[in-house]
Amino acid sequence: MIYSAPKPDVSLIRGTTADDIGNITMEKEGIYGSVLAIAQAAKAQPKPGITIAQVERIAKFGSLNPQRVIVPGPLVDYVVKAPPEYHWQGGTIQFDPRISGTIVPSSSEEIPQLS
């Protein structure tokens, strides 16, 4: 069967840092998932939609490591800097570096339980 899939007019994505031209990194996120695919789907031709990205912070253009950029700037139309109370890592977790792989404890005795 051949059918045309629905195309989103607006995509909402989330990252950690955005630079001045919209490049998005996800260093504090637990999983990249399909963030790039969502932004690409909204920008597909012939009728491109818009992409809105929620981030924790804004950086100067050129200060991000290019290897860490997950969503390139041309795919992002708007960047919204969210206050910390609206940028939780999960439903009940504000930030836990273990989820994003930022730190790895040296032994299991050092791992506090998540509440």
PDB file of N, CA and C in Angstrom:
ATOM      1  N   MET A   1       0.823  -1.173   0.000  1.00  0.00           N
ATOM      2  CA  MET A   1       0.000   0.000   0.000  1.00  0.00           C
ATOM      3  C   MET A   1       0.873   1.243   0.000  1.00  0.00           C
ATOM      4  N   ILE A   2       0.490   2.198  -0.778  1.00  0.00           N
ATOM      5  CA  ILE A   2       1.201   3.472  -0.793  1.00  0.00           C
ATOM      6  C   ILE A   2       0.229   4.560  -0.363  1.00  0.00           C
ATOM      7  N   TYR A   3       0.625   5.285   0.644  1.00  0.00           N
ATOM      8  CA  TYR A   3      -0.187   6.402   1.114  1.00  0.00           C
ATOM      9  C   TYR A   3       0.745   7.481   1.610  1.00  0.00           C
ATOM     10  N   SER A   4       0.270   8.693   1.644  1.00  0.00           N
ATOM     11  CA  SER A   4       1.110   9.788   2.135  1.00  0.00           C
ATOM     12  C   SER A   4       0.899   9.952   3.639  1.00  0.00           C
ATOM     13  N   ALA A   5       1.997  10.034   4.336  1.00  0.00           N
ATOM     14  CA  ALA A   5       1.961  10.187   5.790  1.00  0.00           C
ATOM     15  C   ALA A   5       1.627  11.628   6.148  1.00  0.00           C
ATOM     16  N   PRO A   6       0.995  11.844   7.294  1.00  0.00           N
ATOM     17  CA  PRO A   6       0.717  13.226   7.706  1.00  0.00           C
ATOM     18  C   PRO A   6       2.018  13.963   8.017  1.00  0.00           C
ATOM     19  N   LYS A   7       2.058  15.235   7.718  1.00  0.00           N
ATOM     20  CA  LYS A   7       3.240  16.045   7.949  1.00  0.00           C
ATOM     21  C   LYS A   7       2.929  17.099   9.008  1.00  0.00           C
ATOM     22  N   PRO A   8       3.785  17.200  10.030  1.00  0.00           N
ATOM     23  CA  PRO A   8       3.524  18.194  11.083  1.00  0.00           C
ATOM     24  C   PRO A   8       3.747  19.617  10.598  1.00  0.00           C
ATOM     25  N   ASP A   9       2.887  20.525  11.036  1.00  0.00           N
ATOM     26  CA  ASP A   9       3.066  21.949  10.738  1.00  0.00           C
ATOM     27  C   ASP A   9       3.972  22.612  11.767  1.00  0.00           C
ATOM     28  N   VAL A  10       3.939  22.093  12.989  1.00  0.00           N
ATOM     29  CA  VAL A  10       4.734  22.642  14.090  1.00  0.00           C
ATOM     30  C   VAL A  10       5.364  21.479  14.840  1.00  0.00           C
ATOM     31  N   SER A  11       6.637  21.630  15.175  1.00  0.00           N
ATOM     32  CA  SER A  11       7.278  20.625  16.025  1.00  0.00           C
ATOM     33  C   SER A  11       7.836  21.314  17.262  1.00  0.00           C
ATOM     34  N   LEU A  12       7.673  20.650  18.396  1.00  0.00           N
ATOM     35  CA  LEU A  12       8.188  21.143  19.671  1.00  0.00           C
ATOM     36  C   LEU A  12       9.268  20.178  20.127  1.00  0.00           C
ATOM     37  N   ILE A  13      10.473  20.686  20.317  1.00  0.00           N
ATOM     38  CA  ILE A  13      11.584  19.841  20.760  1.00  0.00           C
ATOM     39  C   ILE A  13      12.217  20.465  21.991  1.00  0.00           C
ATOM     40  N   ARG A  14      13.087  19.692  22.628  1.00  0.00           N
ATOM     41  CA  ARG A  14      13.732  20.159  23.849  1.00  0.00           C
ATOM     42  C   ARG A  14      15.206  19.806  23.799  1.00  0.00           C
ATOM     43  N   GLY A  15      16.040  20.710  24.261  1.00  0.00           N
ATOM     44  CA  GLY A  15      17.472  20.482  24.355  1.00  0.00           C
ATOM     45  C   GLY A  15      18.004  21.154  25.601  1.00  0.00           C
ATOM     46  N   THR A  16      19.320  21.133  25.746  1.00  0.00           N
ATOM     47  CA  THR A  16      19.929  21.768  26.913  1.00  0.00           C
ATOM     48  C   THR A  16      20.447  23.155  26.588  1.00  0.00           C
ATOM     49  N   THR A  17      21.194  23.268  25.475  1.00  0.00           N
ATOM     50  CA  THR A  17      21.815  24.543  25.115  1.00  0.00           C
ATOM     51  C   THR A  17      21.524  24.859  23.657  1.00  0.00           C
ATOM     52  N   ALA A  18      21.265  26.122  23.382  1.00  0.00           N
ATOM     53  CA  ALA A  18      21.115  26.604  22.007  1.00  0.00           C
ATOM     54  C   ALA A  18      22.074  27.767  21.830  1.00  0.00           C
ATOM     55  N   ASP A  19      22.649  27.891  20.640  1.00  0.00           N
ATOM     56  CA  ASP A  19      23.479  29.065  20.384  1.00  0.00           C
ATOM     57  C   ASP A  19      22.647  30.119  19.654  1.00  0.00           C
ATOM     58  N   ASP A  20      23.290  31.208  19.264  1.00  0.00           N
ATOM     59  CA  ASP A  20      22.592  32.347  18.675  1.00  0.00           C
ATOM     60  C   ASP A  20      21.875  32.023  17.373  1.00  0.00           C
ATOM     61  N   ILE A  21      22.301  30.989  16.646  1.00  0.00           N
ATOM     62  CA  ILE A  21      21.647  30.666  15.377  1.00  0.00           C
ATOM     63  C   ILE A  21      20.766  29.425  15.464  1.00  0.00           C
ATOM     64  N   GLY A  22      20.591  28.875  16.669  1.00  0.00           N
ATOM     65  CA  GLY A  22      19.650  27.786  16.850  1.00  0.00           C
ATOM     66  C   GLY A  22      20.217  26.387  16.911  1.00  0.00           C
ATOM     67  N   ASN A  23      21.539  26.226  16.864  1.00  0.00           N
ATOM     68  CA  ASN A  23      22.122  24.888  17.038  1.00  0.00           C
ATOM     69  C   ASN A  23      21.797  24.400  18.444  1.00  0.00           C
ATOM     70  N   ILE A  24      21.331  23.145  18.550  1.00  0.00           N
ATOM     71  CA  ILE A  24      20.874  22.610  19.827  1.00  0.00           C
ATOM     72  C   ILE A  24      21.761  21.454  20.270  1.00  0.00           C
ATOM     73  N   THR A  25      22.232  21.507  21.528  1.00  0.00           N
ATOM     74  CA  THR A  25      22.945  20.386  22.141  1.00  0.00           C
ATOM     75  C   THR A  25      22.060  19.799  23.230  1.00  0.00           C
ATOM     76  N   MET A  26      22.385  18.565  23.637  1.00  0.00           N
ATOM     77  CA  MET A  26      21.539  17.871  24.605  1.00  0.00           C
ATOM     78  C   MET A  26      22.369  17.208  25.701  1.00  0.00           C
ATOM     79  N   GLU A  27      23.352  17.935  26.236  1.00  0.00           N
ATOM     80  CA  GLU A  27      24.265  17.341  27.212  1.00  0.00           C
ATOM     81  C   GLU A  27      23.614  16.957  28.536  1.00  0.00           C
ATOM     82  N   LYS A  28      22.517  17.568  28.904  1.00  0.00           N
ATOM     83  CA  LYS A  28      21.854  17.220  30.165  1.00  0.00           C
ATOM     84  C   LYS A  28      20.597  16.374  29.963  1.00  0.00           C
ATOM     85  N   GLU A  29      20.334  15.960  28.745  1.00  0.00           N
ATOM     86  CA  GLU A  29      19.143  15.160  28.464  1.00  0.00           C
ATOM     87  C   GLU A  29      19.447  13.681  28.642  1.00  0.00           C
ATOM     88  N   GLY A  30      18.455  12.922  29.022  1.00  0.00           N
ATOM     89  CA  GLY A  30      18.634  11.499  29.267  1.00  0.00           C
ATOM     90  C   GLY A  30      18.727  10.687  27.990  1.00  0.00           C
ATOM     91  N   ILE A  31      18.033  11.111  26.937  1.00  0.00           N
ATOM     92  CA  ILE A  31      18.025  10.381  25.669  1.00  0.00           C
ATOM     93  C   ILE A  31      17.764  11.368  24.542  1.00  0.00           C
ATOM     94  N   TYR A  32      18.422  11.143  23.428  1.00  0.00           N
ATOM     95  CA  TYR A  32      18.216  12.018  22.268  1.00  0.00           C
ATOM     96  C   TYR A  32      16.910  11.665  21.567  1.00  0.00           C
ATOM     97  N   GLY A  33      16.578  10.371  21.571  1.00  0.00           N
ATOM     98  CA  GLY A  33      15.331   9.925  20.966  1.00  0.00           C
ATOM     99  C   GLY A  33      15.208  10.355  19.521  1.00  0.00           C
ATOM    100  N   SER A  34      14.080  10.907  19.175  1.00  0.00           N
ATOM    101  CA  SER A  34      13.819  11.292  17.795  1.00  0.00           C
ATOM    102  C   SER A  34      13.728  12.802  17.635  1.00  0.00           C
ATOM    103  N   VAL A  35      14.465  13.539  18.447  1.00  0.00           N
ATOM    104  CA  VAL A  35      14.421  14.997  18.391  1.00  0.00           C
ATOM    105  C   VAL A  35      14.826  15.505  17.012  1.00  0.00           C
ATOM    106  N   LEU A  36      15.905  14.978  16.452  1.00  0.00           N
ATOM    107  CA  LEU A  36      16.344  15.409  15.130  1.00  0.00           C
ATOM    108  C   LEU A  36      15.301  15.052  14.073  1.00  0.00           C
ATOM    109  N   ALA A  37      14.759  13.857  14.142  1.00  0.00           N
ATOM    110  CA  ALA A  37      13.756  13.423  13.159  1.00  0.00           C
ATOM    111  C   ALA A  37      12.497  14.290  13.228  1.00  0.00           C
ATOM    112  N   ILE A  38      12.115  14.698  14.416  1.00  0.00           N
ATOM    113  CA  ILE A  38      10.940  15.555  14.575  1.00  0.00           C
ATOM    114  C   ILE A  38      11.179  16.904  13.897  1.00  0.00           C
ATOM    115  N   ALA A  39      12.358  17.491  14.131  1.00  0.00           N
ATOM    116  CA  ALA A  39      12.685  18.771  13.501  1.00  0.00           C
ATOM    117  C   ALA A  39      12.764  18.626  11.979  1.00  0.00           C
ATOM    118  N   GLN A  40      13.334  17.521  11.503  1.00  0.00           N
ATOM    119  CA  GLN A  40      13.431  17.296  10.052  1.00  0.00           C
ATOM    120  C   GLN A  40      12.052  17.112   9.427  1.00  0.00           C
ATOM    121  N   ALA A  41      11.166  16.419  10.113  1.00  0.00           N
ATOM    122  CA  ALA A  41       9.826  16.186   9.578  1.00  0.00           C
ATOM    123  C   ALA A  41       9.070  17.500   9.400  1.00  0.00           C
ATOM    124  N   ALA A  42       9.236  18.403  10.347  1.00  0.00           N
ATOM    125  CA  ALA A  42       8.545  19.687  10.236  1.00  0.00           C
ATOM    126  C   ALA A  42       9.098  20.524   9.086  1.00  0.00           C
ATOM    127  N   LYS A  43      10.352  20.355   8.751  1.00  0.00           N
ATOM    128  CA  LYS A  43      10.990  21.156   7.697  1.00  0.00           C
ATOM    129  C   LYS A  43      10.904  20.510   6.311  1.00  0.00           C
ATOM    130  N   ALA A  44      10.263  19.350   6.200  1.00  0.00           N
ATOM    131  CA  ALA A  44      10.182  18.649   4.917  1.00  0.00           C
ATOM    132  C   ALA A  44       9.404  19.482   3.896  1.00  0.00           C
ATOM    133  N   GLN A  45       9.835  19.397   2.661  1.00  0.00           N
ATOM    134  CA  GLN A  45       9.176  20.086   1.553  1.00  0.00           C
ATOM    135  C   GLN A  45       7.939  19.311   1.138  1.00  0.00           C
ATOM    136  N   PRO A  46       6.972  19.816   0.475  1.00  0.00           N
ATOM    137  CA  PRO A  46       6.952  21.127  -0.175  1.00  0.00           C
ATOM    138  C   PRO A  46       6.424  22.245   0.713  1.00  0.00           C
ATOM    139  N   LYS A  47       5.877  21.935   1.882  1.00  0.00           N
ATOM    140  CA  LYS A  47       5.316  22.965   2.757  1.00  0.00           C
ATOM    141  C   LYS A  47       5.968  22.857   4.134  1.00  0.00           C
ATOM    142  N   PRO A  48       7.145  23.487   4.312  1.00  0.00           N
ATOM    143  CA  PRO A  48       7.836  23.367   5.605  1.00  0.00           C
ATOM    144  C   PRO A  48       7.074  24.055   6.738  1.00  0.00           C
ATOM    145  N   GLY A  49       7.090  23.401   7.896  1.00  0.00           N
ATOM    146  CA  GLY A  49       6.473  23.961   9.090  1.00  0.00           C
ATOM    147  C   GLY A  49       7.519  24.674   9.936  1.00  0.00           C
ATOM    148  N   ILE A  50       7.194  24.884  11.205  1.00  0.00           N
ATOM    149  CA  ILE A  50       8.135  25.557  12.096  1.00  0.00           C
ATOM    150  C   ILE A  50       8.546  24.615  13.228  1.00  0.00           C
ATOM    151  N   THR A  51       9.735  24.874  13.765  1.00  0.00           N
ATOM    152  CA  THR A  51      10.263  24.106  14.892  1.00  0.00           C
ATOM    153  C   THR A  51      10.554  25.066  16.037  1.00  0.00           C
ATOM    154  N   ILE A  52      10.033  24.730  17.205  1.00  0.00           N
ATOM    155  CA  ILE A  52      10.251  25.521  18.413  1.00  0.00           C
ATOM    156  C   ILE A  52      11.029  24.657  19.394  1.00  0.00           C
ATOM    157  N   ALA A  53      12.145  25.164  19.886  1.00  0.00           N
ATOM    158  CA  ALA A  53      12.994  24.410  20.802  1.00  0.00           C
ATOM    159  C   ALA A  53      12.989  25.060  22.182  1.00  0.00           C
ATOM    160  N   GLN A  54      12.774  24.248  23.206  1.00  0.00           N
ATOM    161  CA  GLN A  54      12.889  24.700  24.592  1.00  0.00           C
ATOM    162  C   GLN A  54      14.268  24.306  25.086  1.00  0.00           C
ATOM    163  N   VAL A  55      15.016  25.250  25.653  1.00  0.00           N
ATOM    164  CA  VAL A  55      16.356  24.977  26.157  1.00  0.00           C
ATOM    165  C   VAL A  55      16.538  25.572  27.544  1.00  0.00           C
ATOM    166  N   GLU A  56      17.579  25.110  28.200  1.00  0.00           N
ATOM    167  CA  GLU A  56      17.910  25.602  29.534  1.00  0.00           C
ATOM    168  C   GLU A  56      18.736  26.879  29.474  1.00  0.00           C
ATOM    169  N   ARG A  57      19.579  26.986  28.448  1.00  0.00           N
ATOM    170  CA  ARG A  57      20.464  28.161  28.356  1.00  0.00           C
ATOM    171  C   ARG A  57      20.787  28.494  26.902  1.00  0.00           C
ATOM    172  N   ILE A  58      21.225  29.733  26.697  1.00  0.00           N
ATOM    173  CA  ILE A  58      21.614  30.228  25.375  1.00  0.00           C
ATOM    174  C   ILE A  58      23.114  30.517  25.424  1.00  0.00           C
ATOM    175  N   ALA A  59      23.825  30.086  24.381  1.00  0.00           N
ATOM    176  CA  ALA A  59      25.269  30.304  24.307  1.00  0.00           C
ATOM    177  C   ALA A  59      25.594  31.170  23.088  1.00  0.00           C
ATOM    178  N   LYS A  60      26.777  31.737  23.090  1.00  0.00           N
ATOM    179  CA  LYS A  60      27.237  32.542  21.972  1.00  0.00           C
ATOM    180  C   LYS A  60      27.572  31.631  20.787  1.00  0.00           C
ATOM    181  N   PHE A  61      27.278  32.090  19.567  1.00  0.00           N
ATOM    182  CA  PHE A  61      27.596  31.320  18.372  1.00  0.00           C
ATOM    183  C   PHE A  61      29.102  31.039  18.323  1.00  0.00           C
ATOM    184  N   GLY A  62      29.448  29.800  18.039  1.00  0.00           N
ATOM    185  CA  GLY A  62      30.847  29.394  17.961  1.00  0.00           C
ATOM    186  C   GLY A  62      31.378  28.798  19.255  1.00  0.00           C
ATOM    187  N   SER A  63      30.606  28.893  20.343  1.00  0.00           N
ATOM    188  CA  SER A  63      31.086  28.364  21.618  1.00  0.00           C
ATOM    189  C   SER A  63      30.695  26.902  21.839  1.00  0.00           C
ATOM    190  N   LEU A  64      29.758  26.365  21.053  1.00  0.00           N
ATOM    191  CA  LEU A  64      29.355  24.972  21.206  1.00  0.00           C
ATOM    192  C   LEU A  64      30.312  24.046  20.453  1.00  0.00           C
ATOM    193  N   ASN A  65      30.564  22.893  21.023  1.00  0.00           N
ATOM    194  CA  ASN A  65      31.367  21.880  20.346  1.00  0.00           C
ATOM    195  C   ASN A  65      30.525  21.330  19.188  1.00  0.00           C
ATOM    196  N   PRO A  66      30.978  21.446  17.948  1.00  0.00           N
ATOM    197  CA  PRO A  66      30.180  20.993  16.810  1.00  0.00           C
ATOM    198  C   PRO A  66      29.822  19.509  16.873  1.00  0.00           C
ATOM    199  N   GLN A  67      30.641  18.704  17.527  1.00  0.00           N
ATOM    200  CA  GLN A  67      30.353  17.281  17.631  1.00  0.00           C
ATOM    201  C   GLN A  67      29.206  17.004  18.605  1.00  0.00           C
ATOM    202  N   ARG A  68      28.857  17.960  19.434  1.00  0.00           N
ATOM    203  CA  ARG A  68      27.768  17.794  20.401  1.00  0.00           C
ATOM    204  C   ARG A  68      26.426  18.317  19.886  1.00  0.00           C
ATOM    205  N   VAL A  69      26.430  19.000  18.744  1.00  0.00           N
ATOM    206  CA  VAL A  69      25.189  19.545  18.201  1.00  0.00           C
ATOM    207  C   VAL A  69      24.333  18.402  17.659  1.00  0.00           C
ATOM    208  N   ILE A  70      23.122  18.270  18.173  1.00  0.00           N
ATOM    209  CA  ILE A  70      22.202  17.224  17.756  1.00  0.00           C
ATOM    210  C   ILE A  70      21.241  17.742  16.694  1.00  0.00           C
ATOM    211  N   VAL A  71      20.744  18.954  16.860  1.00  0.00           N
ATOM    212  CA  VAL A  71      19.842  19.564  15.887  1.00  0.00           C
ATOM    213  C   VAL A  71      20.522  20.813  15.332  1.00  0.00           C
ATOM    214  N   PRO A  72      20.815  20.841  14.028  1.00  0.00           N
ATOM    215  CA  PRO A  72      21.469  22.017  13.451  1.00  0.00           C
ATOM    216  C   PRO A  72      20.528  23.221  13.375  1.00  0.00           C
ATOM    217  N   GLY A  73      21.105  24.391  13.461  1.00  0.00           N
ATOM    218  CA  GLY A  73      20.367  25.640  13.471  1.00  0.00           C
ATOM    219  C   GLY A  73      19.351  25.846  12.357  1.00  0.00           C
ATOM    220  N   PRO A  74      19.639  25.474  11.106  1.00  0.00           N
ATOM    221  CA  PRO A  74      18.657  25.703  10.034  1.00  0.00           C
ATOM    222  C   PRO A  74      17.325  24.968  10.232  1.00  0.00           C
ATOM    223  N   LEU A  75      17.292  23.977  11.113  1.00  0.00           N
ATOM    224  CA  LEU A  75      16.043  23.252  11.366  1.00  0.00           C
ATOM    225  C   LEU A  75      15.209  23.890  12.479  1.00  0.00           C
ATOM    226  N   VAL A  76      15.757  24.895  13.163  1.00  0.00           N
ATOM    227  CA  VAL A  76      15.088  25.503  14.319  1.00  0.00           C
ATOM    228  C   VAL A  76      14.669  26.929  13.968  1.00  0.00           C
ATOM    229  N   ASP A  77      13.390  27.236  14.188  1.00  0.00           N
ATOM    230  CA  ASP A  77      12.875  28.579  13.906  1.00  0.00           C
ATOM    231  C   ASP A  77      12.854  29.468  15.144  1.00  0.00           C
ATOM    232  N   TYR A  78      12.461  28.895  16.273  1.00  0.00           N
ATOM    233  CA  TYR A  78      12.349  29.670  17.507  1.00  0.00           C
ATOM    234  C   TYR A  78      12.996  28.905  18.655  1.00  0.00           C
ATOM    235  N   VAL A  79      13.664  29.657  19.536  1.00  0.00           N
ATOM    236  CA  VAL A  79      14.263  29.075  20.737  1.00  0.00           C
ATOM    237  C   VAL A  79      13.647  29.766  21.944  1.00  0.00           C
ATOM    238  N   VAL A  80      13.174  28.960  22.891  1.00  0.00           N
ATOM    239  CA  VAL A  80      12.581  29.478  24.111  1.00  0.00           C
ATOM    240  C   VAL A  80      13.459  29.048  25.277  1.00  0.00           C
ATOM    241  N   LYS A  81      13.977  30.020  26.018  1.00  0.00           N
ATOM    242  CA  LYS A  81      14.772  29.708  27.211  1.00  0.00           C
ATOM    243  C   LYS A  81      13.813  29.544  28.384  1.00  0.00           C
ATOM    244  N   ALA A  82      13.735  28.306  28.877  1.00  0.00           N
ATOM    245  CA  ALA A  82      12.796  27.996  29.952  1.00  0.00           C
ATOM    246  C   ALA A  82      13.434  28.257  31.309  1.00  0.00           C
ATOM    247  N   PRO A  83      12.669  28.777  32.257  1.00  0.00           N
ATOM    248  CA  PRO A  83      13.193  28.903  33.618  1.00  0.00           C
ATOM    249  C   PRO A  83      13.383  27.517  34.221  1.00  0.00           C
ATOM    250  N   PRO A  84      14.284  27.370  35.189  1.00  0.00           N
ATOM    251  CA  PRO A  84      14.589  26.051  35.758  1.00  0.00           C
ATOM    252  C   PRO A  84      13.367  25.276  36.243  1.00  0.00           C
ATOM    253  N   GLU A  85      12.370  25.957  36.760  1.00  0.00           N
ATOM    254  CA  GLU A  85      11.195  25.234  37.264  1.00  0.00           C
ATOM    255  C   GLU A  85      10.350  24.603  36.159  1.00  0.00           C
ATOM    256  N   TYR A  86      10.590  24.983  34.904  1.00  0.00           N
ATOM    257  CA  TYR A  86       9.870  24.388  33.767  1.00  0.00           C
ATOM    258  C   TYR A  86      10.773  23.540  32.873  1.00  0.00           C
ATOM    259  N   HIS A  87      11.973  23.279  33.325  1.00  0.00           N
ATOM    260  CA  HIS A  87      12.911  22.505  32.503  1.00  0.00           C
ATOM    261  C   HIS A  87      13.436  21.311  33.296  1.00  0.00           C
ATOM    262  N   TRP A  88      12.534  20.497  33.806  1.00  0.00           N
ATOM    263  CA  TRP A  88      12.912  19.319  34.572  1.00  0.00           C
ATOM    264  C   TRP A  88      13.395  18.225  33.640  1.00  0.00           C
ATOM    265  N   GLN A  89      14.268  17.403  34.148  1.00  0.00           N
ATOM    266  CA  GLN A  89      14.816  16.294  33.369  1.00  0.00           C
ATOM    267  C   GLN A  89      13.786  15.176  33.193  1.00  0.00           C
ATOM    268  N   GLY A  90      12.926  15.015  34.144  1.00  0.00           N
ATOM    269  CA  GLY A  90      11.868  14.005  34.089  1.00  0.00           C
ATOM    270  C   GLY A  90      10.670  14.480  34.871  1.00  0.00           C
ATOM    271  N   GLY A  91       9.647  13.662  34.939  1.00  0.00           N
ATOM    272  CA  GLY A  91       8.428  14.046  35.620  1.00  0.00           C
ATOM    273  C   GLY A  91       8.613  14.384  37.082  1.00  0.00           C
ATOM    274  N   THR A  92       9.534  13.690  37.783  1.00  0.00           N
ATOM    275  CA  THR A  92       9.752  13.939  39.210  1.00  0.00           C
ATOM    276  C   THR A  92      11.205  14.281  39.531  1.00  0.00           C
ATOM    277  N   ILE A  93      12.026  14.484  38.505  1.00  0.00           N
ATOM    278  CA  ILE A  93      13.463  14.723  38.712  1.00  0.00           C
ATOM    279  C   ILE A  93      13.851  16.047  38.073  1.00  0.00           C
ATOM    280  N   GLN A  94      14.343  16.974  38.898  1.00  0.00           N
ATOM    281  CA  GLN A  94      14.790  18.250  38.332  1.00  0.00           C
ATOM    282  C   GLN A  94      16.072  18.042  37.535  1.00  0.00           C
ATOM    283  N   PHE A  95      17.091  17.435  38.139  1.00  0.00           N
ATOM    284  CA  PHE A  95      18.304  17.067  37.402  1.00  0.00           C
ATOM    285  C   PHE A  95      19.053  16.009  38.174  1.00  0.00           C
ATOM    286  N   ASP A  96      19.391  14.938  37.512  1.00  0.00           N
ATOM    287  CA  ASP A  96      20.221  13.875  38.073  1.00  0.00           C
ATOM    288  C   ASP A  96      21.280  13.559  37.017  1.00  0.00           C
ATOM    289  N   PRO A  97      22.574  13.858  37.298  1.00  0.00           N
ATOM    290  CA  PRO A  97      23.605  13.668  36.285  1.00  0.00           C
ATOM    291  C   PRO A  97      23.770  12.216  35.831  1.00  0.00           C
ATOM    292  N   ARG A  98      23.298  11.260  36.620  1.00  0.00           N
ATOM    293  CA  ARG A  98      23.398   9.858  36.206  1.00  0.00           C
ATOM    294  C   ARG A  98      22.505   9.568  35.004  1.00  0.00           C
ATOM    295  N   ILE A  99      21.396  10.261  34.900  1.00  0.00           N
ATOM    296  CA  ILE A  99      20.461  10.026  33.802  1.00  0.00           C
ATOM    297  C   ILE A  99      21.075  10.447  32.466  1.00  0.00           C
ATOM    298  N   SER A 100      21.808  11.542  32.464  1.00  0.00           N
ATOM    299  CA  SER A 100      22.429  12.017  31.230  1.00  0.00           C
ATOM    300  C   SER A 100      23.826  11.448  31.018  1.00  0.00           C
ATOM    301  N   GLY A 101      24.305  10.633  31.953  1.00  0.00           N
ATOM    302  CA  GLY A 101      25.635  10.045  31.807  1.00  0.00           C
ATOM    303  C   GLY A 101      26.754  11.016  32.091  1.00  0.00           C
ATOM    304  N   THR A 102      26.449  12.094  32.792  1.00  0.00           N
ATOM    305  CA  THR A 102      27.463  13.097  33.109  1.00  0.00           C
ATOM    306  C   THR A 102      28.486  12.564  34.106  1.00  0.00           C
ATOM    307  N   ILE A 103      28.026  11.819  35.112  1.00  0.00           N
ATOM    308  CA  ILE A 103      28.947  11.218  36.076  1.00  0.00           C
ATOM    309  C   ILE A 103      28.588   9.739  36.241  1.00  0.00           C
ATOM    310  N   VAL A 104      29.587   8.981  36.572  1.00  0.00           N
ATOM    311  CA  VAL A 104      29.387   7.572  36.879  1.00  0.00           C
ATOM    312  C   VAL A 104      30.047   7.305  38.217  1.00  0.00           C
ATOM    313  N   PRO A 105      29.273   6.928  39.248  1.00  0.00           N
ATOM    314  CA  PRO A 105      29.880   6.654  40.558  1.00  0.00           C
ATOM    315  C   PRO A 105      30.869   5.492  40.464  1.00  0.00           C
ATOM    316  N   SER A 106      31.892   5.524  41.313  1.00  0.00           N
ATOM    317  CA  SER A 106      32.927   4.492  41.258  1.00  0.00           C
ATOM    318  C   SER A 106      32.485   3.178  41.888  1.00  0.00           C
ATOM    319  N   SER A 107      31.499   3.206  42.791  1.00  0.00           N
ATOM    320  CA  SER A 107      30.998   1.965  43.370  1.00  0.00           C
ATOM    321  C   SER A 107      29.508   2.076  43.623  1.00  0.00           C
ATOM    322  N   SER A 108      28.852   0.957  43.765  1.00  0.00           N
ATOM    323  CA  SER A 108      27.405   0.964  43.970  1.00  0.00           C
ATOM    324  C   SER A 108      27.018   1.553  45.326  1.00  0.00           C
ATOM    325  N   GLU A 109      27.970   1.599  46.269  1.00  0.00           N
ATOM    326  CA  GLU A 109      27.661   2.152  47.581  1.00  0.00           C
ATOM    327  C   GLU A 109      27.428   3.667  47.525  1.00  0.00           C
ATOM    328  N   GLU A 110      27.982   4.325  46.508  1.00  0.00           N
ATOM    329  CA  GLU A 110      27.869   5.776  46.404  1.00  0.00           C
ATOM    330  C   GLU A 110      26.592   6.220  45.699  1.00  0.00           C
ATOM    331  N   ILE A 111      25.803   5.284  45.192  1.00  0.00           N
ATOM    332  CA  ILE A 111      24.634   5.654  44.405  1.00  0.00           C
ATOM    333  C   ILE A 111      23.429   5.868  45.322  1.00  0.00           C
ATOM    334  N   PRO A 112      22.984   7.128  45.463  1.00  0.00           N
ATOM    335  CA  PRO A 112      21.785   7.349  46.261  1.00  0.00           C
ATOM    336  C   PRO A 112      20.549   6.898  45.491  1.00  0.00           C
ATOM    337  N   GLN A 113      19.527   6.503  46.189  1.00  0.00           N
ATOM    338  CA  GLN A 113      18.296   6.048  45.557  1.00  0.00           C
ATOM    339  C   GLN A 113      17.501   7.252  45.043  1.00  0.00           C
ATOM    340  N   LEU A 114      16.890   7.082  43.872  1.00  0.00           N
ATOM    341  CA  LEU A 114      16.010   8.115  43.355  1.00  0.00           C
ATOM    342  C   LEU A 114      14.694   8.065  44.101  1.00  0.00           C
ATOM    343  N   SER A 115      14.147   9.217  44.421  1.00  0.00           N
ATOM    344  CA  SER A 115      12.865   9.227  45.146  1.00  0.00           C
ATOM    345  C   SER A 115      11.698   9.329  44.211  1.00  0.00           C
TER     346      SER A 115
END
